[in-house]
Amino acid sequence: MASRSFSFFDHLSEPVIVIKKDGAICYENPAAKDYFRGDHINIPVNKLFDSALIRLGISEGVGTAEIGRDSCAASVSLVSGLRAFILHPERKETDGERLGLARAAEKELRTALATSALAEESINKRAAEVGDIALIRYAASLSHAWHGMLRVVEHISAFLEPEDETPAYPPVSFDVRERCCEIASAAAYLAGEKGILINVEAETDSIMFTGYRQEIDRIVLNLISNSIKSIDGGGKITITLRKARNTLIMEVADTGCGIAPEKAARLFRPLDTLREISDDGTGLGLGLYLVHRAAIIHGGGVAVEKREGGGTKVTVLMKELREDYSLSSPEVSSGLELDFVLTELADVLSAKAYICEA
């Protein structure tokens, strides 16, 4: 009886699964039966795949689904009062020549950046010595461009790494609330001219968490960057933190323009930017991909919702890891490096943020 009301999904090429309120599957289209190889009616949906959309009970939104060792984009909507999951499996890139070319280009870009860094340092020093306002502005523009190029290279480098590759440095225990406050403070100061407030809210004054600190820094900065892009004429970004047993739940909500439904399924696809060609054209569309990847490294996932009244909320789940003292490679500096913030936010900051203060 239930399957008849969802027959309009039968002709979709994407796998579609509808679940009852108890989490059991009550309908699957032919594409789903083919993809999962068989009939799974009355089987709990979490037996087929895991997703933050399921665990958080989100009724309408977009996120990721983990199917075995593979991950794919997933969207969920209410149909006849039940949740329908539409899966968008990734097509694996098999062209080794393109990958090799990308790695070669990355090395060439890093060499060029190293040379330009020396020139940038000399110009900044000279500008500060002579106090030439015009030269200081030119130096800031050069620094802004340099950090923007470095951001692209760093994102490409992370993208080229195998998806199951873990960082070389060990996970460490740190106060994630304090860290987020440091990042929010630096980002709000640098983006102050945009009139955007960034607040951090947590259930306790301190939330200790063991994980890869640099990866979590990148999650927060990329989500802040995306929120800033969506806000026009002032607004608010709220980072909410809470911990449930060994799982950290991080929510980043903004008062921006939200997400168009036709773009929702593309959010986690690498190199698929949300901006159209007619827009400013900046960015590679790797930000949310790297956020998703960092969450997966921590055994979690990501979900995105369009908020009532406008704006977007991104929820990241991360499971706590064990500290590993056996790895010889040191972790990045425990202090928040301003240069890292300037790099990750280069696509949303103006050149004024890069003026070198003596």
Protein backbone atom coordinates (compact mmCIF):
# COMPACT_ATOMS: atom_id res chain seq x y z
CA MET A 1 0.00 0.00 0.00
CA ALA A 2 2.79 2.39 0.96
CA SER A 3 4.84 1.59 -2.14
CA ARG A 4 2.04 2.77 -4.46
CA SER A 5 2.08 6.31 -3.06
CA PHE A 6 5.77 6.58 -3.92
CA SER A 7 5.60 5.10 -7.42
CA PHE A 8 6.64 8.44 -8.94
CA PHE A 9 10.18 7.58 -7.72
CA ASP A 10 10.22 4.43 -9.88
CA HIS A 11 11.63 6.20 -12.94
CA LEU A 12 14.43 8.09 -11.17
CA SER A 13 17.95 6.94 -11.97
CA GLU A 14 19.11 7.78 -8.42
CA PRO A 15 18.47 5.26 -5.62
CA VAL A 16 15.48 6.34 -3.49
CA ILE A 17 14.52 4.81 -0.13
CA VAL A 18 11.52 5.81 2.00
CA ILE A 19 11.52 4.97 5.70
CA LYS A 20 8.75 4.72 8.28
CA LYS A 21 8.88 6.58 11.59
CA ASP A 22 10.49 3.54 13.25
CA GLY A 23 13.38 3.66 10.74
CA ALA A 24 12.32 0.62 8.71
CA ILE A 25 12.29 0.79 4.91
CA CYS A 26 8.79 0.81 3.41
CA TYR A 27 9.71 1.62 -0.21
CA GLU A 28 12.74 1.43 -2.50
CA ASN A 29 12.75 2.24 -6.21
CA PRO A 30 14.27 -0.07 -8.86
CA ALA A 31 17.51 1.96 -8.86
CA ALA A 32 17.88 1.34 -5.10
CA LYS A 33 17.20 -2.38 -5.47
CA ASP A 34 19.84 -2.55 -8.18
CA TYR A 35 22.35 -0.43 -6.21
CA PHE A 36 21.92 -2.38 -2.95
CA ARG A 37 21.34 -5.70 -4.74
CA GLY A 38 18.00 -6.96 -3.53
CA ASP A 39 14.77 -6.18 -1.71
CA HIS A 40 15.12 -4.53 1.70
CA ILE A 41 11.52 -3.77 2.71
CA ASN A 42 11.05 -3.72 6.53
CA ILE A 43 14.83 -3.73 7.09
CA PRO A 44 16.20 -0.84 9.26
CA VAL A 45 17.68 1.80 6.98
CA ASN A 46 20.89 1.98 9.04
CA LYS A 47 21.62 -1.59 7.95
CA LEU A 48 22.12 -0.26 4.41
CA PHE A 49 23.89 3.03 5.05
CA ASP A 50 24.84 5.46 7.78
CA SER A 51 24.19 9.21 7.60
CA ALA A 52 24.10 12.21 9.90
CA LEU A 53 20.70 12.90 8.33
CA ILE A 54 19.40 9.70 9.90
CA ARG A 55 21.11 10.08 13.27
CA LEU A 56 19.96 13.67 13.71
CA GLY A 57 16.41 12.90 12.60
CA ILE A 58 16.46 15.63 9.96
CA SER A 59 13.25 15.64 7.93
CA GLU A 60 14.40 17.97 5.14
CA GLY A 61 17.99 18.71 4.21
CA VAL A 62 21.11 17.48 2.50
CA GLY A 63 24.08 15.57 3.85
CA THR A 64 26.29 12.58 3.24
CA ALA A 65 25.65 8.85 3.33
CA GLU A 66 28.34 6.30 4.13
CA ILE A 67 27.84 3.08 2.17
CA GLY A 68 30.54 0.62 3.08
CA ARG A 69 33.82 2.45 2.45
CA ASP A 70 32.24 4.83 -0.04
CA SER A 71 30.46 8.09 0.65
CA CYS A 72 27.94 9.95 -1.45
CA ALA A 73 25.68 12.97 -1.31
CA ALA A 74 22.19 12.37 0.07
CA SER A 75 19.07 14.51 0.34
CA VAL A 76 15.96 13.88 2.39
CA SER A 77 12.46 15.32 2.09
CA LEU A 78 9.03 14.64 3.55
CA VAL A 79 6.66 12.74 1.27
CA SER A 80 3.26 11.71 2.64
CA GLY A 81 4.62 12.36 6.12
CA LEU A 82 7.55 9.97 5.69
CA ARG A 83 11.22 10.66 4.98
CA ALA A 84 12.45 9.90 1.46
CA PHE A 85 16.21 9.55 1.01
CA ILE A 86 17.56 10.28 -2.48
CA LEU A 87 21.17 9.12 -2.89
CA HIS A 88 23.64 10.61 -5.34
CA PRO A 89 26.58 8.13 -5.59
CA GLU A 90 29.91 9.65 -6.64
CA ARG A 91 31.46 8.64 -9.89
CA LYS A 92 35.04 7.57 -9.18
CA GLU A 93 37.80 9.34 -11.06
CA THR A 94 39.90 6.72 -12.90
CA ASP A 95 42.05 8.94 -15.09
CA GLY A 96 45.55 8.49 -13.65
CA GLU A 97 47.05 10.96 -16.10
CA ARG A 98 44.89 13.80 -14.80
CA LEU A 99 45.86 12.98 -11.22
CA GLY A 100 49.53 12.95 -12.16
CA LEU A 101 49.17 16.30 -13.91
CA ALA A 102 47.46 17.78 -10.85
CA ARG A 103 50.29 16.62 -8.57
CA ALA A 104 52.90 18.06 -10.93
CA ALA A 105 51.01 21.37 -11.06
CA GLU A 106 50.85 21.45 -7.26
CA LYS A 107 54.64 21.10 -7.00
CA GLU A 108 55.22 23.84 -9.57
CA LEU A 109 52.83 26.16 -7.73
CA ARG A 110 54.53 25.53 -4.40
CA THR A 111 57.91 26.41 -5.94
CA ALA A 112 56.49 29.63 -7.37
CA LEU A 113 54.84 30.49 -4.03
CA ALA A 114 58.12 29.99 -2.16
CA THR A 115 59.83 32.47 -4.49
CA SER A 116 57.02 35.01 -4.28
CA ALA A 117 56.98 34.71 -0.46
CA LEU A 118 60.52 36.09 -0.35
CA ALA A 119 59.52 39.01 -2.57
CA GLU A 120 56.44 39.65 -0.47
CA GLU A 121 58.47 39.73 2.74
CA SER A 122 60.96 42.21 1.26
CA ILE A 123 58.22 44.52 -0.04
CA ASN A 124 56.36 44.45 3.27
CA LYS A 125 59.56 45.29 5.14
CA ARG A 126 60.41 48.13 2.78
CA ALA A 127 56.85 49.50 2.93
CA ALA A 128 56.98 49.60 6.74
CA GLU A 129 60.41 51.29 6.74
CA VAL A 130 59.52 54.17 4.41
CA GLY A 131 55.92 54.56 5.59
CA ASP A 132 54.68 54.97 2.02
CA ILE A 133 50.86 54.59 2.20
CA ALA A 134 50.54 53.62 -1.47
CA LEU A 135 53.34 51.04 -1.15
CA ILE A 136 51.76 49.63 2.01
CA ARG A 137 48.49 49.15 0.11
CA TYR A 138 50.28 47.48 -2.81
CA ALA A 139 52.08 45.19 -0.35
CA ALA A 140 48.74 44.30 1.28
CA SER A 141 47.25 43.46 -2.13
CA LEU A 142 50.26 41.26 -2.89
CA SER A 143 49.94 39.52 0.49
CA HIS A 144 46.21 38.99 -0.09
CA ALA A 145 46.84 37.43 -3.50
CA TRP A 146 49.64 35.26 -2.12
CA HIS A 147 47.47 33.87 0.68
CA GLY A 148 44.67 33.27 -1.84
CA MET A 149 46.99 31.22 -4.05
CA LEU A 150 48.30 29.31 -1.04
CA ARG A 151 44.72 28.47 -0.02
CA VAL A 152 44.02 27.01 -3.46
CA VAL A 153 47.23 24.94 -3.37
CA GLU A 154 46.55 23.68 0.15
CA HIS A 155 43.01 22.64 -0.78
CA ILE A 156 44.19 20.89 -3.95
CA SER A 157 46.88 19.11 -1.95
CA ALA A 158 44.30 17.86 0.57
CA PHE A 159 41.96 16.83 -2.25
CA LEU A 160 44.68 14.75 -3.93
CA GLU A 161 45.30 12.71 -0.79
CA PRO A 162 43.44 9.37 -0.54
CA GLU A 163 40.09 9.80 1.22
CA ASP A 164 41.02 7.34 3.99
CA GLU A 165 44.42 8.97 4.61
CA THR A 166 44.83 10.17 8.20
CA PRO A 167 47.10 13.09 9.16
CA ALA A 168 50.75 12.37 9.88
CA TYR A 169 50.55 14.13 13.23
CA PRO A 170 48.77 12.49 16.21
CA PRO A 171 45.36 13.39 17.65
CA VAL A 172 45.58 15.50 20.82
CA SER A 173 43.22 16.49 23.62
CA PHE A 174 42.25 20.17 23.67
CA ASP A 175 39.45 22.55 24.66
CA VAL A 176 37.41 22.78 21.45
CA ARG A 177 35.26 25.61 22.84
CA GLU A 178 38.33 27.73 23.57
CA ARG A 179 39.73 26.95 20.13
CA CYS A 180 36.50 27.95 18.39
CA CYS A 181 36.41 31.19 20.39
CA GLU A 182 39.95 32.03 19.22
CA ILE A 183 39.05 31.33 15.59
CA ALA A 184 35.75 33.25 15.81
CA SER A 185 37.48 36.24 17.42
CA ALA A 186 40.19 36.36 14.73
CA ALA A 187 37.68 35.90 11.89
CA ALA A 188 35.29 38.54 13.25
CA TYR A 189 38.14 41.05 13.64
CA LEU A 190 39.50 40.44 10.14
CA ALA A 191 36.04 40.56 8.53
CA GLY A 192 34.87 43.45 10.70
CA GLU A 193 34.12 45.78 7.78
CA LYS A 194 31.44 43.34 6.58
CA GLY A 195 29.38 43.93 9.73
CA ILE A 196 29.21 40.24 10.66
CA LEU A 197 29.04 39.04 14.27
CA ILE A 198 30.44 35.59 15.10
CA ASN A 199 29.36 34.02 18.40
CA VAL A 200 30.30 30.74 20.06
CA GLU A 201 27.73 29.03 22.29
CA ALA A 202 28.39 25.91 24.37
CA GLU A 203 26.64 23.94 27.09
CA THR A 204 29.69 24.25 29.37
CA ASP A 205 32.62 26.66 29.76
CA SER A 206 35.05 23.97 28.62
CA ILE A 207 34.53 21.09 26.16
CA MET A 208 37.54 18.79 26.01
CA PHE A 209 37.86 16.72 22.85
CA THR A 210 40.56 14.47 21.42
CA GLY A 211 41.06 14.77 17.68
CA TYR A 212 43.13 16.28 14.88
CA ARG A 213 43.25 19.95 15.88
CA GLN A 214 44.31 21.31 12.48
CA GLU A 215 41.49 19.44 10.73
CA ILE A 216 38.95 20.87 13.18
CA ASP A 217 40.43 24.35 12.64
CA ARG A 218 39.88 23.88 8.90
CA ILE A 219 36.26 22.75 9.47
CA VAL A 220 35.46 25.89 11.48
CA LEU A 221 37.24 28.30 9.10
CA ASN A 222 35.69 26.82 5.95
CA LEU A 223 32.19 26.95 7.44
CA ILE A 224 32.76 30.53 8.56
CA SER A 225 34.02 31.36 5.05
CA ASN A 226 30.91 29.86 3.43
CA SER A 227 28.65 31.74 5.84
CA ILE A 228 30.38 35.07 5.18
CA LYS A 229 29.87 34.56 1.43
CA SER A 230 26.14 34.05 1.95
CA ILE A 231 25.64 37.16 4.11
CA ASP A 232 25.10 40.51 2.40
CA GLY A 233 24.94 43.75 4.34
CA GLY A 234 25.68 42.47 7.83
CA GLY A 235 24.50 39.42 9.72
CA LYS A 236 25.32 36.82 12.33
CA ILE A 237 27.15 33.49 12.47
CA THR A 238 26.59 31.25 15.49
CA ILE A 239 28.83 28.29 16.34
CA THR A 240 27.12 25.93 18.80
CA LEU A 241 29.03 23.13 20.52
CA ARG A 242 27.84 20.22 22.61
CA LYS A 243 29.14 16.79 23.47
CA ALA A 244 27.12 13.58 23.74
CA ARG A 245 29.25 10.84 25.27
CA ASN A 246 32.21 10.54 22.89
CA THR A 247 30.68 12.53 20.03
CA LEU A 248 31.22 16.24 19.42
CA ILE A 249 28.28 18.01 17.75
CA MET A 250 29.23 21.28 16.08
CA GLU A 251 26.59 23.49 14.47
CA VAL A 252 27.42 26.56 12.39
CA ALA A 253 24.31 28.62 11.58
CA ASP A 254 24.12 31.90 9.68
CA THR A 255 21.57 34.52 8.65
CA GLY A 256 22.58 34.42 4.99
CA CYS A 257 20.68 33.72 1.80
CA GLY A 258 20.33 29.96 2.36
CA ILE A 259 20.68 27.17 -0.21
CA ALA A 260 18.69 26.82 -3.40
CA PRO A 261 17.00 23.36 -3.59
CA GLU A 262 18.48 22.63 -7.03
CA LYS A 263 21.99 23.06 -5.61
CA ALA A 264 21.53 21.06 -2.42
CA ALA A 265 22.64 17.69 -3.80
CA ARG A 266 25.88 19.22 -5.14
CA LEU A 267 27.17 20.48 -1.80
CA PHE A 268 29.63 17.69 -1.06
CA ARG A 269 30.83 17.05 -4.59
CA PRO A 270 34.49 18.11 -4.94
CA LEU A 271 35.24 20.87 -7.45
CA ASP A 272 31.51 21.60 -7.84
CA THR A 273 31.22 25.19 -6.63
CA LEU A 274 27.81 26.53 -5.61
CA ARG A 275 28.36 29.81 -7.42
CA GLU A 276 27.35 30.14 -11.05
CA ILE A 277 29.81 31.20 -13.76
CA SER A 278 28.12 34.60 -13.89
CA ASP A 279 29.11 35.28 -10.25
CA ASP A 280 32.57 36.27 -9.06
CA GLY A 281 33.89 32.81 -9.96
CA THR A 282 36.21 32.56 -6.94
CA GLY A 283 36.93 29.26 -5.22
CA LEU A 284 37.16 25.66 -6.35
CA GLY A 285 34.16 24.32 -4.45
CA LEU A 286 36.42 22.20 -2.20
CA GLY A 287 35.49 23.80 1.13
CA LEU A 288 32.55 21.58 2.11
CA TYR A 289 34.27 18.55 0.60
CA LEU A 290 37.20 19.11 2.99
CA VAL A 291 34.78 19.67 5.88
CA HIS A 292 33.08 16.37 5.07
CA ARG A 293 36.44 14.60 4.75
CA ALA A 294 37.67 15.94 8.11
CA ALA A 295 34.44 14.73 9.73
CA ILE A 296 34.89 11.27 8.18
CA ILE A 297 38.46 11.11 9.52
CA HIS A 298 36.89 11.59 12.95
CA GLY A 299 34.32 8.85 12.31
CA GLY A 300 31.45 11.30 11.82
CA GLY A 301 29.49 13.07 9.10
CA VAL A 302 27.93 16.33 7.95
CA ALA A 303 24.37 17.52 7.40
CA VAL A 304 23.10 20.83 5.99
CA GLU A 305 19.69 22.40 6.61
CA LYS A 306 17.94 25.50 5.31
CA ARG A 307 16.81 27.42 8.39
CA GLU A 308 13.33 28.81 8.93
CA GLY A 309 13.38 32.55 8.26
CA GLY A 310 16.47 32.31 6.06
CA GLY A 311 20.03 31.17 6.45
CA THR A 312 21.79 27.84 6.63
CA LYS A 313 22.80 25.49 9.45
CA VAL A 314 25.63 22.99 9.00
CA THR A 315 25.94 20.23 11.59
CA VAL A 316 29.19 18.28 11.92
CA LEU A 317 29.43 15.10 14.00
CA MET A 318 32.87 13.92 15.15
CA LYS A 319 33.73 10.98 17.38
CA GLU A 320 36.48 11.35 19.93
CA LEU A 321 39.78 9.65 19.09
CA ARG A 322 42.52 8.29 21.30
CA GLU A 323 45.67 10.30 21.81
CA ASP A 324 48.52 8.60 19.95
CA TYR A 325 51.99 9.24 21.35
CA SER A 326 53.61 6.64 19.08
CA LEU A 327 53.68 8.94 16.05
CA SER A 328 56.98 10.76 15.74
CA SER A 329 55.68 13.65 13.63
CA PRO A 330 54.77 16.58 15.89
CA GLU A 331 51.33 18.13 15.68
CA VAL A 332 51.00 21.69 14.47
CA SER A 333 51.53 24.47 17.01
CA SER A 334 48.87 24.50 19.71
CA GLY A 335 48.47 28.26 19.34
CA LEU A 336 46.20 29.62 16.64
CA GLU A 337 48.40 30.86 13.81
CA LEU A 338 47.11 34.08 12.23
CA ASP A 339 48.70 33.10 8.92
CA PHE A 340 46.52 29.97 8.80
CA VAL A 341 43.42 32.08 9.37
CA LEU A 342 44.50 34.60 6.71
CA THR A 343 45.00 31.72 4.26
CA GLU A 344 41.70 29.91 4.90
CA LEU A 345 39.68 33.15 4.76
CA ALA A 346 41.54 34.67 1.80
CA ASP A 347 38.52 34.26 -0.49
CA VAL A 348 36.26 36.39 1.73
CA LEU A 349 38.61 39.00 3.23
CA SER A 350 39.62 42.27 1.60
CA ALA A 351 43.22 43.41 1.07
CA LYS A 352 42.90 45.67 4.14
CA ALA A 353 43.13 42.59 6.38
CA TYR A 354 46.64 41.91 5.02
CA ILE A 355 48.24 45.24 5.86
CA CYS A 356 51.46 44.45 7.71
CA GLU A 357 51.49 46.15 11.12
CA ALA A 358 54.94 47.16 12.33
